[in-house]
C-alpha atoms as a PDB file:
ATOM      1  CA  MET A   1      -0.167   0.014  -0.049  1.00  0.00           C
ATOM      2  CA  ALA A   2       1.382   3.410  -0.906  1.00  0.00           C
ATOM      3  CA  SER A   3       2.200   5.864   1.959  1.00  0.00           C
ATOM      4  CA  ILE A   4       2.923   9.143   2.459  1.00  0.00           C
ATOM      5  CA  THR A   5       5.553  10.735   4.656  1.00  0.00           C
ATOM      6  CA  VAL A   6       6.059  13.772   5.946  1.00  0.00           C
ATOM      7  CA  ALA A   7       8.887  15.292   7.926  1.00  0.00           C
ATOM      8  CA  LEU A   8       8.548  17.419  11.004  1.00  0.00           C
ATOM      9  CA  PHE A   9      10.847  19.628  11.628  1.00  0.00           C
ATOM     10  CA  VAL A  10       9.991  20.813  15.250  1.00  0.00           C
ATOM     11  CA  SER A  11      10.546  20.456  18.707  1.00  0.00           C
ATOM     12  CA  PHE A  12       9.000  17.486  20.572  1.00  0.00           C
ATOM     13  CA  THR A  13       8.131  17.181  24.140  1.00  0.00           C
ATOM     14  CA  ALA A  14      11.195  14.574  25.378  1.00  0.00           C
ATOM     15  CA  HIS A  15       9.407  13.382  28.395  1.00  0.00           C
ATOM     16  CA  SER A  16      10.087   9.536  28.932  1.00  0.00           C
ATOM     17  CA  GLN A  17      11.734   9.569  25.320  1.00  0.00           C
ATOM     18  CA  ASP A  18      15.199   8.288  25.691  1.00  0.00           C
ATOM     19  CA  THR A  19      18.082   8.777  22.725  1.00  0.00           C
ATOM     20  CA  LEU A  20      19.155   6.803  19.798  1.00  0.00           C
ATOM     21  CA  PRO A  21      19.376   4.292  18.952  1.00  0.00           C
ATOM     22  CA  LYS A  22      15.967   4.114  20.985  1.00  0.00           C
ATOM     23  CA  PHE A  23      13.168   5.518  19.416  1.00  0.00           C
ATOM     24  CA  ASN A  24       9.302   6.501  19.901  1.00  0.00           C
ATOM     25  CA  ILE A  25       6.406   5.849  17.544  1.00  0.00           C
ATOM     26  CA  ARG A  26       2.845   6.149  18.211  1.00  0.00           C
ATOM     27  CA  ASP A  27      -0.755   6.096  16.666  1.00  0.00           C
ATOM     28  CA  ILE A  28      -1.993   9.716  15.508  1.00  0.00           C
ATOM     29  CA  ASN A  29      -5.899   9.279  15.547  1.00  0.00           C
ATOM     30  CA  ASN A  30      -5.705   5.934  13.918  1.00  0.00           C
ATOM     31  CA  GLU A  31      -4.967   7.827  10.515  1.00  0.00           C
ATOM     32  CA  LYS A  32      -0.704   8.134  10.711  1.00  0.00           C
ATOM     33  CA  ILE A  33       1.999   7.028  12.294  1.00  0.00           C
ATOM     34  CA  LEU A  34       4.303   9.216  14.088  1.00  0.00           C
ATOM     35  CA  ILE A  35       8.315   8.093  14.554  1.00  0.00           C
ATOM     36  CA  THR A  36      10.397  10.446  16.999  1.00  0.00           C
ATOM     37  CA  TRP A  37      13.719  10.562  18.040  1.00  0.00           C
ATOM     38  CA  ILE A  38      16.398  12.367  20.259  1.00  0.00           C
ATOM     39  CA  ASN A  39      19.579  12.453  18.306  1.00  0.00           C
ATOM     40  CA  PRO A  40      22.418  12.802  21.529  1.00  0.00           C
ATOM     41  CA  PHE A  41      25.265  13.071  18.300  1.00  0.00           C
ATOM     42  CA  LEU A  42      24.051  16.351  16.989  1.00  0.00           C
ATOM     43  CA  ASP A  43      26.871  17.203  14.122  1.00  0.00           C
ATOM     44  CA  ASN A  44      28.324  13.923  14.896  1.00  0.00           C
ATOM     45  CA  CYS A  45      25.632  12.059  12.866  1.00  0.00           C
ATOM     46  CA  VAL A  46      25.907  12.490   9.283  1.00  0.00           C
ATOM     47  CA  GLN A  47      23.087  10.410   7.654  1.00  0.00           C
ATOM     48  CA  LEU A  48      19.866   9.322   9.194  1.00  0.00           C
ATOM     49  CA  SER A  49      17.072   7.365   7.446  1.00  0.00           C
ATOM     50  CA  VAL A  50      13.947   5.974   8.655  1.00  0.00           C
ATOM     51  CA  GLN A  51      13.185   2.439   7.171  1.00  0.00           C
ATOM     52  CA  ARG A  52      10.063   0.325   7.415  1.00  0.00           C
ATOM     53  CA  SER A  53       9.261  -3.663   7.090  1.00  0.00           C
ATOM     54  CA  TYR A  54       6.546  -6.082   7.619  1.00  0.00           C
ATOM     55  CA  ASP A  55       8.124  -8.549   9.614  1.00  0.00           C
ATOM     56  CA  SER A  56      10.564  -6.619  12.079  1.00  0.00           C
ATOM     57  CA  ILE A  57      13.712  -8.264  10.481  1.00  0.00           C
ATOM     58  CA  HIS A  58      13.442  -8.875   6.700  1.00  0.00           C
ATOM     59  CA  PHE A  59      13.104  -6.483   3.913  1.00  0.00           C
ATOM     60  CA  PHE A  60      13.294  -2.878   4.796  1.00  0.00           C
ATOM     61  CA  SER A  61      12.613   0.022   2.879  1.00  0.00           C
ATOM     62  CA  THR A  62      13.657   3.551   3.356  1.00  0.00           C
ATOM     63  CA  ILE A  63      10.657   5.665   3.832  1.00  0.00           C
ATOM     64  CA  TYR A  64      12.360   9.299   4.930  1.00  0.00           C
ATOM     65  CA  SER A  65      16.134  10.279   4.826  1.00  0.00           C
ATOM     66  CA  ALA A  66      16.805  13.587   7.022  1.00  0.00           C
ATOM     67  CA  GLN A  67      18.050  16.326   5.056  1.00  0.00           C
ATOM     68  CA  SER A  68      19.032  17.384   8.368  1.00  0.00           C
ATOM     69  CA  PRO A  69      20.652  14.716  10.413  1.00  0.00           C
ATOM     70  CA  GLU A  70      22.349  16.575  13.105  1.00  0.00           C
ATOM     71  CA  LEU A  71      18.620  18.236  14.527  1.00  0.00           C
ATOM     72  CA  PRO A  72      18.809  17.049  18.420  1.00  0.00           C
ATOM     73  CA  GLN A  73      14.965  16.316  18.196  1.00  0.00           C
ATOM     74  CA  ASN A  74      13.083  15.199  14.868  1.00  0.00           C
ATOM     75  CA  GLY A  75      10.460  13.044  13.523  1.00  0.00           C
ATOM     76  CA  VAL A  76       8.293  12.097  10.793  1.00  0.00           C
ATOM     77  CA  THR A  77       4.498  10.347   9.738  1.00  0.00           C
ATOM     78  CA  ASP A  78       3.467   7.612   7.576  1.00  0.00           C
ATOM     79  CA  SER A  79       0.057   6.593   6.952  1.00  0.00           C
ATOM     80  CA  ARG A  80      -1.325   3.945   9.032  1.00  0.00           C
ATOM     81  CA  MET A  81      -1.607   0.692   7.597  1.00  0.00           C
ATOM     82  CA  PRO A  82      -5.036  -1.315   7.228  1.00  0.00           C
ATOM     83  CA  LYS A  83      -6.062  -3.167  10.438  1.00  0.00           C
ATOM     84  CA  GLY A  84      -4.406  -6.520  10.079  1.00  0.00           C
ATOM     85  CA  VAL A  85      -1.439  -5.660   8.731  1.00  0.00           C
ATOM     86  CA  LYS A  86       1.769  -5.765  10.935  1.00  0.00           C
ATOM     87  CA  VAL A  87       4.332  -2.768  10.560  1.00  0.00           C
ATOM     88  CA  PHE A  88       8.043  -2.154  12.279  1.00  0.00           C
ATOM     89  CA  TYR A  89      10.096   0.895  11.775  1.00  0.00           C
ATOM     90  CA  ARG A  90      14.067   0.964  12.679  1.00  0.00           C
ATOM     91  CA  ILE A  91      16.324   3.687  12.315  1.00  0.00           C
ATOM     92  CA  PHE A  92      19.240   3.843  10.333  1.00  0.00           C
ATOM     93  CA  TYR A  93      22.357   6.311  10.987  1.00  0.00           C
ATOM     94  CA  VAL A  94      26.147   7.145  10.045  1.00  0.00           C
ATOM     95  CA  LEU A  95      28.438   8.838  12.471  1.00  0.00           C
ATOM     96  CA  GLN A  96      31.344  10.762  11.312  1.00  0.00           C
ATOM     97  CA  GLY A  97      34.149   8.286  10.685  1.00  0.00           C
ATOM     98  CA  GLY A  98      31.731   5.902   8.524  1.00  0.00           C
ATOM     99  CA  GLU A  99      30.849   4.138  11.987  1.00  0.00           C
ATOM    100  CA  TYR A 100      26.462   2.821  11.259  1.00  0.00           C
ATOM    101  CA  PHE A 101      23.984   1.618  13.179  1.00  0.00           C
ATOM    102  CA  PHE A 102      20.588   0.236  12.923  1.00  0.00           C
ATOM    103  CA  THR A 103      18.285   0.410  16.168  1.00  0.00           C
ATOM    104  CA  LYS A 104      15.849  -2.221  16.951  1.00  0.00           C
ATOM    105  CA  SER A 105      13.031  -2.669  15.102  1.00  0.00           C
ATOM    106  CA  VAL A 106       9.671  -1.189  16.875  1.00  0.00           C
ATOM    107  CA  GLY A 107       6.080  -2.075  15.868  1.00  0.00           C
ATOM    108  CA  LEU A 108       2.445  -0.787  16.221  1.00  0.00           C
ATOM    109  CA  TYR A 109       0.377  -3.771  16.099  1.00  0.00           C
ATOM    110  CA  SER A 110      -2.869  -3.309  14.231  1.00  0.00           C
ATOM    111  CA  PHE A 111      -5.788  -5.714  15.712  1.00  0.00           C
ATOM    112  CA  ASN A 112      -7.516  -8.434  14.250  1.00  0.00           C
ATOM    113  CA  LYS A 113     -11.367  -8.853  14.092  1.00  0.00           C
ATOM    114  CA  PHE A 114     -11.097 -10.784  17.474  1.00  0.00           C
ATOM    115  CA  ASN A 115      -9.262  -7.820  18.816  1.00  0.00           C
ATOM    116  CA  GLN A 116      -6.456  -9.923  19.630  1.00  0.00           C
ATOM    117  CA  ALA A 117      -3.130  -8.076  19.452  1.00  0.00           C
ATOM    118  CA  PHE A 118      -0.320  -9.258  17.246  1.00  0.00           C
ATOM    119  CA  GLU A 119       2.719 -10.471  19.228  1.00  0.00           C
ATOM    120  CA  PRO A 120       6.202  -8.684  18.007  1.00  0.00           C
ATOM    121  CA  ALA A 121       8.672 -10.594  15.854  1.00  0.00           C
ATOM    122  CA  PRO A 122      11.818 -11.462  17.315  1.00  0.00           C
ATOM    123  CA  VAL A 123      14.554  -9.175  17.153  1.00  0.00           C
ATOM    124  CA  LYS A 124      17.766 -10.849  17.508  1.00  0.00           C
ATOM    125  CA  LYS A 125      20.638  -9.841  19.804  1.00  0.00           C
ATOM    126  CA  ASN A 126      22.499  -6.478  18.890  1.00  0.00           C
ATOM    127  CA  ASP A 127      20.037  -5.603  16.117  1.00  0.00           C
ATOM    128  CA  PHE A 128      20.950  -2.183  16.683  1.00  0.00           C
ATOM    129  CA  ARG A 129      24.357  -3.145  14.828  1.00  0.00           C
ATOM    130  CA  GLU A 130      23.011  -5.367  12.385  1.00  0.00           C
ATOM    131  CA  THR A 131      24.847  -5.168   9.038  1.00  0.00           C
ATOM    132  CA  GLY A 132      23.812  -8.261   6.982  1.00  0.00           C
ATOM    133  CA  ASP A 133      27.206  -9.595   6.324  1.00  0.00           C
ATOM    134  CA  LYS A 134      26.422 -13.348   8.305  1.00  0.00           C
ATOM    135  CA  GLU A 135      30.290 -13.959   8.019  1.00  0.00           C
ATOM    136  CA  ASN A 136      31.486 -10.959  10.321  1.00  0.00           C
ATOM    137  CA  GLU A 137      28.226 -10.899  12.388  1.00  0.00           C
ATOM    138  CA  GLU A 138      29.892 -13.609  15.279  1.00  0.00           C
ATOM    139  CA  LYS A 139      33.257 -11.209  14.895  1.00  0.00           C
ATOM    140  CA  ILE A 140      30.790  -8.175  16.121  1.00  0.00           C
ATOM    141  CA  LEU A 141      28.720 -10.159  18.616  1.00  0.00           C
ATOM    142  CA  GLU A 142      31.828 -12.042  20.580  1.00  0.00           C
ATOM    143  CA  LYS A 143      34.575  -9.191  19.965  1.00  0.00           C
ATOM    144  CA  ASN A 144      32.383  -5.618  19.492  1.00  0.00           C
ATOM    145  CA  VAL A 145      34.330  -5.330  16.095  1.00  0.00           C
ATOM    146  CA  PRO A 146      33.901  -1.346  15.096  1.00  0.00           C
ATOM    147  CA  LEU A 147      31.807  -1.590  11.918  1.00  0.00           C
ATOM    148  CA  THR A 148      34.456   0.568  10.156  1.00  0.00           C
ATOM    149  CA  GLU A 149      36.012  -2.772   9.831  1.00  0.00           C
ATOM    150  CA  LEU A 150      33.702  -4.209   7.746  1.00  0.00           C
ATOM    151  CA  LYS A 151      33.651  -4.599   3.974  1.00  0.00           C
ATOM    152  CA  ALA A 152      29.935  -3.352   3.347  1.00  0.00           C
ATOM    153  CA  LYS A 153      29.528  -1.169   0.893  1.00  0.00           C
ATOM    154  CA  ILE A 154      27.449   1.837  -0.820  1.00  0.00           C
ATOM    155  CA  ASN A 155      26.295   1.391  -4.505  1.00  0.00           C
ATOM    156  CA  ILE A 156      26.604   4.668  -6.084  1.00  0.00           C
ATOM    157  CA  TYR A 157      24.189   4.875  -9.202  1.00  0.00           C
ATOM    158  CA  ARG A 158      24.220   7.634 -11.787  1.00  0.00           C
ATOM    159  CA  ARG A 159      20.569   8.451 -13.400  1.00  0.00           C
ATOM    160  CA  THR A 160      18.989   5.617 -12.555  1.00  0.00           C
ATOM    161  CA  THR A 161      20.016   2.134 -10.797  1.00  0.00           C
ATOM    162  CA  ASP A 162      20.795   0.763 -14.502  1.00  0.00           C
ATOM    163  CA  THR A 163      24.038   2.709 -14.353  1.00  0.00           C
ATOM    164  CA  LEU A 164      26.614   1.489 -11.282  1.00  0.00           C
ATOM    165  CA  LEU A 165      29.071   4.505 -11.607  1.00  0.00           C
ATOM    166  CA  GLU A 166      30.945   2.981  -8.517  1.00  0.00           C
ATOM    167  CA  GLN A 167      30.824   1.104  -4.907  1.00  0.00           C
ATOM    168  CA  ILE A 168      32.327   2.562  -2.110  1.00  0.00           C
ATOM    169  CA  GLU A 169      33.359   1.708   1.325  1.00  0.00           C
ATOM    170  CA  TYR A 170      30.663   3.284   4.629  1.00  0.00           C
ATOM    171  CA  ALA A 171      33.889   4.847   5.543  1.00  0.00           C
ATOM    172  CA  SER A 172      34.563   6.769   2.494  1.00  0.00           C
ATOM    173  CA  PHE A 173      30.672   8.149   1.823  1.00  0.00           C
ATOM    174  CA  PRO A 174      31.156  11.314   4.010  1.00  0.00           C
ATOM    175  CA  ARG A 175      34.103  12.434   1.825  1.00  0.00           C
ATOM    176  CA  PHE A 176      32.629  11.515  -1.461  1.00  0.00           C
ATOM    177  CA  ARG A 177      29.246  13.077  -0.493  1.00  0.00           C
ATOM    178  CA  ASP A 178      31.127  16.203   0.917  1.00  0.00           C
ATOM    179  CA  SER A 179      33.230  16.198  -2.070  1.00  0.00           C
ATOM    180  CA  LEU A 180      30.128  16.078  -4.588  1.00  0.00           C
ATOM    181  CA  ILE A 181      28.397  19.053  -2.863  1.00  0.00           C
ATOM    182  CA  ARG A 182      31.269  20.937  -2.857  1.00  0.00           C
ATOM    183  CA  ARG A 183      32.361  20.900  -6.444  1.00  0.00           C
ATOM    184  CA  THR A 184      29.443  20.042  -8.493  1.00  0.00           C
ATOM    185  CA  LYS A 185      25.965  21.216  -8.556  1.00  0.00           C
ATOM    186  CA  ASP A 186      24.816  17.299  -8.622  1.00  0.00           C
ATOM    187  CA  THR A 187      21.975  16.065  -6.132  1.00  0.00           C
ATOM    188  CA  LEU A 188      22.050  12.299  -4.314  1.00  0.00           C
ATOM    189  CA  PHE A 189      19.011  11.059  -3.563  1.00  0.00           C
ATOM    190  CA  THR A 190      19.074   7.578  -1.012  1.00  0.00           C
ATOM    191  CA  ILE A 191      17.273   4.495  -2.556  1.00  0.00           C
ATOM    192  CA  ASP A 192      18.112   2.738   1.198  1.00  0.00           C
ATOM    193  CA  SER A 193      21.012   2.410   3.272  1.00  0.00           C
ATOM    194  CA  TYR A 194      23.246   0.955   0.782  1.00  0.00           C
ATOM    195  CA  ASN A 195      22.146   2.390  -2.753  1.00  0.00           C
ATOM    196  CA  ILE A 196      22.547   6.032  -3.946  1.00  0.00           C
ATOM    197  CA  ILE A 197      21.706   7.788  -7.382  1.00  0.00           C
ATOM    198  CA  ILE A 198      23.690  10.686  -8.129  1.00  0.00           C
ATOM    199  CA  LYS A 199      21.096  13.134 -10.465  1.00  0.00           C
ATOM    200  CA  PRO A 200      23.567  15.408 -12.247  1.00  0.00           C
ATOM    201  CA  PHE A 201      22.679  18.725 -12.295  1.00  0.00           C
ATOM    202  CA  VAL A 202      21.502  19.973 -15.845  1.00  0.00           C
ATOM    203  CA  PRO A 203      21.504  23.653 -16.221  1.00  0.00           C
ATOM    204  CA  LYS A 204      18.650  25.433 -17.892  1.00  0.00           C
ATOM    205  CA  PRO A 205      19.201  26.639 -21.723  1.00  0.00           C
ATOM    206  CA  VAL A 206      20.437  30.222 -22.055  1.00  0.00           C
ATOM    207  CA  TRP A 207      19.827  31.938 -25.363  1.00  0.00           C
ATOM    208  CA  ARG A 208      22.747  34.116 -26.894  1.00  0.00           C
ATOM    209  CA  PRO A 209      21.756  36.193 -29.795  1.00  0.00           C
ATOM    210  CA  SER A 210      23.927  35.268 -32.993  1.00  0.00           C
ATOM    211  CA  THR A 211      27.269  37.582 -34.575  1.00  0.00           C
ATOM    212  CA  TYR A 212      25.736  36.440 -37.804  1.00  0.00           C
ATOM    213  CA  VAL A 213      22.379  36.916 -38.191  1.00  0.00           C
ATOM    214  CA  PHE A 214      20.626  39.447 -35.500  1.00  0.00           C
ATOM    215  CA  VAL A 215      18.108  41.731 -35.055  1.00  0.00           C
ATOM    216  CA  LYS A 216      19.260  45.542 -34.482  1.00  0.00           C
ATOM    217  CA  ASP A 217      16.862  47.010 -31.730  1.00  0.00           C
ATOM    218  CA  GLU A 218      16.924  50.329 -33.619  1.00  0.00           C
ATOM    219  CA  LEU A 219      16.027  48.943 -36.505  1.00  0.00           C
ATOM    220  CA  ASN A 220      14.173  45.934 -35.777  1.00  0.00           C
ATOM    221  CA  ARG A 221      15.240  44.101 -39.314  1.00  0.00           C
ATOM    222  CA  VAL A 222      17.201  41.443 -39.624  1.00  0.00           C
ATOM    223  CA  SER A 223      20.979  42.227 -40.371  1.00  0.00           C
ATOM    224  CA  LEU A 224      23.634  39.518 -41.468  1.00  0.00           C
ATOM    225  CA  LYS A 225      26.983  40.001 -40.612  1.00  0.00           C
ATOM    226  CA  LEU A 226      29.010  37.416 -43.042  1.00  0.00           C
ATOM    227  CA  PRO A 227      32.761  37.999 -42.541  1.00  0.00           C
ATOM    228  CA  GLN A 228      34.984  37.557 -46.052  1.00  0.00           C
ATOM    229  CA  ALA A 229      31.664  36.859 -47.804  1.00  0.00           C
ATOM    230  CA  ARG A 230      33.734  37.227 -51.176  1.00  0.00           C
ATOM    231  CA  ILE A 231      35.926  33.943 -50.271  1.00  0.00           C
ATOM    232  CA  HIS A 232      33.488  31.927 -48.430  1.00  0.00           C
ATOM    233  CA  ASN A 233      30.498  30.467 -49.747  1.00  0.00           C
ATOM    234  CA  TYR A 234      27.823  31.271 -46.929  1.00  0.00           C
ATOM    235  CA  ARG A 235      24.440  30.086 -46.898  1.00  0.00           C
ATOM    236  CA  ILE A 236      21.527  30.610 -44.761  1.00  0.00           C
ATOM    237  CA  VAL A 237      18.236  28.942 -44.808  1.00  0.00           C
ATOM    238  CA  PHE A 238      15.624  30.431 -42.491  1.00  0.00           C
ATOM    239  CA  PHE A 239      12.171  29.034 -40.723  1.00  0.00           C
ATOM    240  CA  ASP A 240       9.177  30.073 -38.880  1.00  0.00           C
ATOM    241  CA  GLN A 241       8.794  29.317 -35.339  1.00  0.00           C
ATOM    242  CA  TYR A 242       6.979  25.885 -36.522  1.00  0.00           C
ATOM    243  CA  GLY A 243       9.974  25.033 -38.403  1.00  0.00           C
ATOM    244  CA  THR A 244       8.420  25.566 -41.944  1.00  0.00           C
ATOM    245  CA  GLN A 245      11.458  26.474 -44.282  1.00  0.00           C
ATOM    246  CA  LEU A 246      10.684  30.346 -45.569  1.00  0.00           C
ATOM    247  CA  PHE A 247      13.449  30.910 -47.686  1.00  0.00           C
ATOM    248  CA  GLU A 248      16.918  30.603 -48.067  1.00  0.00           C
ATOM    249  CA  ILE A 249      19.910  33.021 -49.173  1.00  0.00           C
ATOM    250  CA  LYS A 250      22.599  31.385 -51.178  1.00  0.00           C
ATOM    251  CA  HIS A 251      26.267  32.845 -51.958  1.00  0.00           C
ATOM    252  CA  PRO A 252      25.940  36.439 -50.612  1.00  0.00           C
ATOM    253  CA  LYS A 253      28.793  38.615 -51.545  1.00  0.00           C
ATOM    254  CA  ASP A 254      28.502  41.311 -49.097  1.00  0.00           C
ATOM    255  CA  ASP A 255      30.153  40.927 -45.828  1.00  0.00           C
ATOM    256  CA  PHE A 256      27.271  43.010 -44.371  1.00  0.00           C
ATOM    257  CA  LEU A 257      23.149  42.800 -45.322  1.00  0.00           C
ATOM    258  CA  ILE A 258      20.210  44.063 -43.917  1.00  0.00           C
ATOM    259  CA  LEU A 259      16.786  42.025 -44.942  1.00  0.00           C
ATOM    260  CA  ASP A 260      13.799  43.566 -45.931  1.00  0.00           C
ATOM    261  CA  ASN A 261      10.905  42.841 -42.847  1.00  0.00           C
ATOM    262  CA  THR A 262       8.389  41.921 -45.814  1.00  0.00           C
ATOM    263  CA  ASN A 263      10.467  38.601 -45.896  1.00  0.00           C
ATOM    264  CA  PHE A 264       8.938  37.445 -42.631  1.00  0.00           C
ATOM    265  CA  MET A 265       5.476  38.945 -42.941  1.00  0.00           C
ATOM    266  CA  LYS A 266       4.980  39.155 -38.981  1.00  0.00           C
ATOM    267  CA  GLY A 267       6.380  39.814 -35.466  1.00  0.00           C
ATOM    268  CA  GLY A 268       7.570  37.074 -33.596  1.00  0.00           C
ATOM    269  CA  TRP A 269      10.598  34.343 -32.959  1.00  0.00           C
ATOM    270  CA  TYR A 270      12.159  32.904 -36.038  1.00  0.00           C
ATOM    271  CA  SER A 271      14.841  30.262 -36.630  1.00  0.00           C
ATOM    272  CA  PHE A 272      17.652  30.116 -39.034  1.00  0.00           C
ATOM    273  CA  ASP A 273      20.361  27.733 -40.378  1.00  0.00           C
ATOM    274  CA  LEU A 274      23.581  29.174 -41.410  1.00  0.00           C
ATOM    275  CA  TYR A 275      26.194  26.984 -43.561  1.00  0.00           C
ATOM    276  CA  LEU A 276      29.926  27.973 -44.070  1.00  0.00           C
ATOM    277  CA  ASP A 277      31.368  26.296 -47.195  1.00  0.00           C
ATOM    278  CA  ASP A 278      28.357  23.771 -47.255  1.00  0.00           C
ATOM    279  CA  LYS A 279      28.989  22.736 -43.124  1.00  0.00           C
ATOM    280  CA  LEU A 280      26.498  23.969 -40.471  1.00  0.00           C
ATOM    281  CA  LYS A 281      28.275  26.848 -38.399  1.00  0.00           C
ATOM    282  CA  GLU A 282      25.318  27.787 -36.508  1.00  0.00           C
ATOM    283  CA  HIS A 283      21.826  26.857 -35.852  1.00  0.00           C
ATOM    284  CA  ASN A 284      20.508  29.842 -34.040  1.00  0.00           C
ATOM    285  CA  LYS A 285      16.927  32.283 -33.815  1.00  0.00           C
ATOM    286  CA  PHE A 286      16.099  36.124 -33.400  1.00  0.00           C
ATOM    287  CA  GLN A 287      12.736  38.098 -32.579  1.00  0.00           C
ATOM    288  CA  LEU A 288      11.582  40.161 -34.492  1.00  0.00           C
ATOM    289  CA  LEU A 289       9.163  43.220 -32.652  1.00  0.00           C
ATOM    290  CA  ILE A 290       5.349  44.089 -33.695  1.00  0.00           C
ATOM    291  CA  PRO A 291       4.919  46.574 -35.014  1.00  0.00           C
ATOM    292  CA  PHE A 292       7.433  46.130 -38.092  1.00  0.00           C
END
């Protein structure tokens, strides 16, 4: 079922609420679920996401990524699941240096038609540091190995998940993210804890008048400036705003020409192709004002 997630950048009442890795959830008018947390790490927290699952252990998906993970208190609302559907939440967060954590999953349990509450699925030991890396999990439990020593990687995609750009370790991600923000105008989108998409910045096209075919404001007439016209072979094809060809000028012999407006019939935008020695040199447009 599709859900709507709304971030809450407000201060919550923190009575009886512990700090991360613990967090609170509660029902709001049987319509939404409010997930709130207190961040004791402040600026040391560089990434934070809220994830949702239906069995408390597997198949978590990210429903919210904090734009300001360093906020001391924050929260998010999620549309309530239908009655009879179990739903669980956990928070994934990354600290400076690359160390990352998963909180224990917490469920708000709907009731079935017999008003019997669903029991939460068991949560395994040390779940708030779950990595999904079975080979290293025993090392974590027995020796409390820092997560920066694990070989978990983040997949970096370009535009879509069809194009994998590179894989980087969690410890290197903050540096990669900061470098991208400082040096480019690209945008990072978080799919989940392990997958990031880079959306390249696409500048809006800026029209620049041609230096060869242009309209002088004081004349409101089309002027042609064709350097060394007697030496080179120029050809100019003119089109209306719909791309229909109007006329063309072949082999002009003068370096500077002014066209009569009767060639264009009315004001508006026109485009042209300028050829130099049978090669396209420029495709551009110009505007004639009304009235002539």
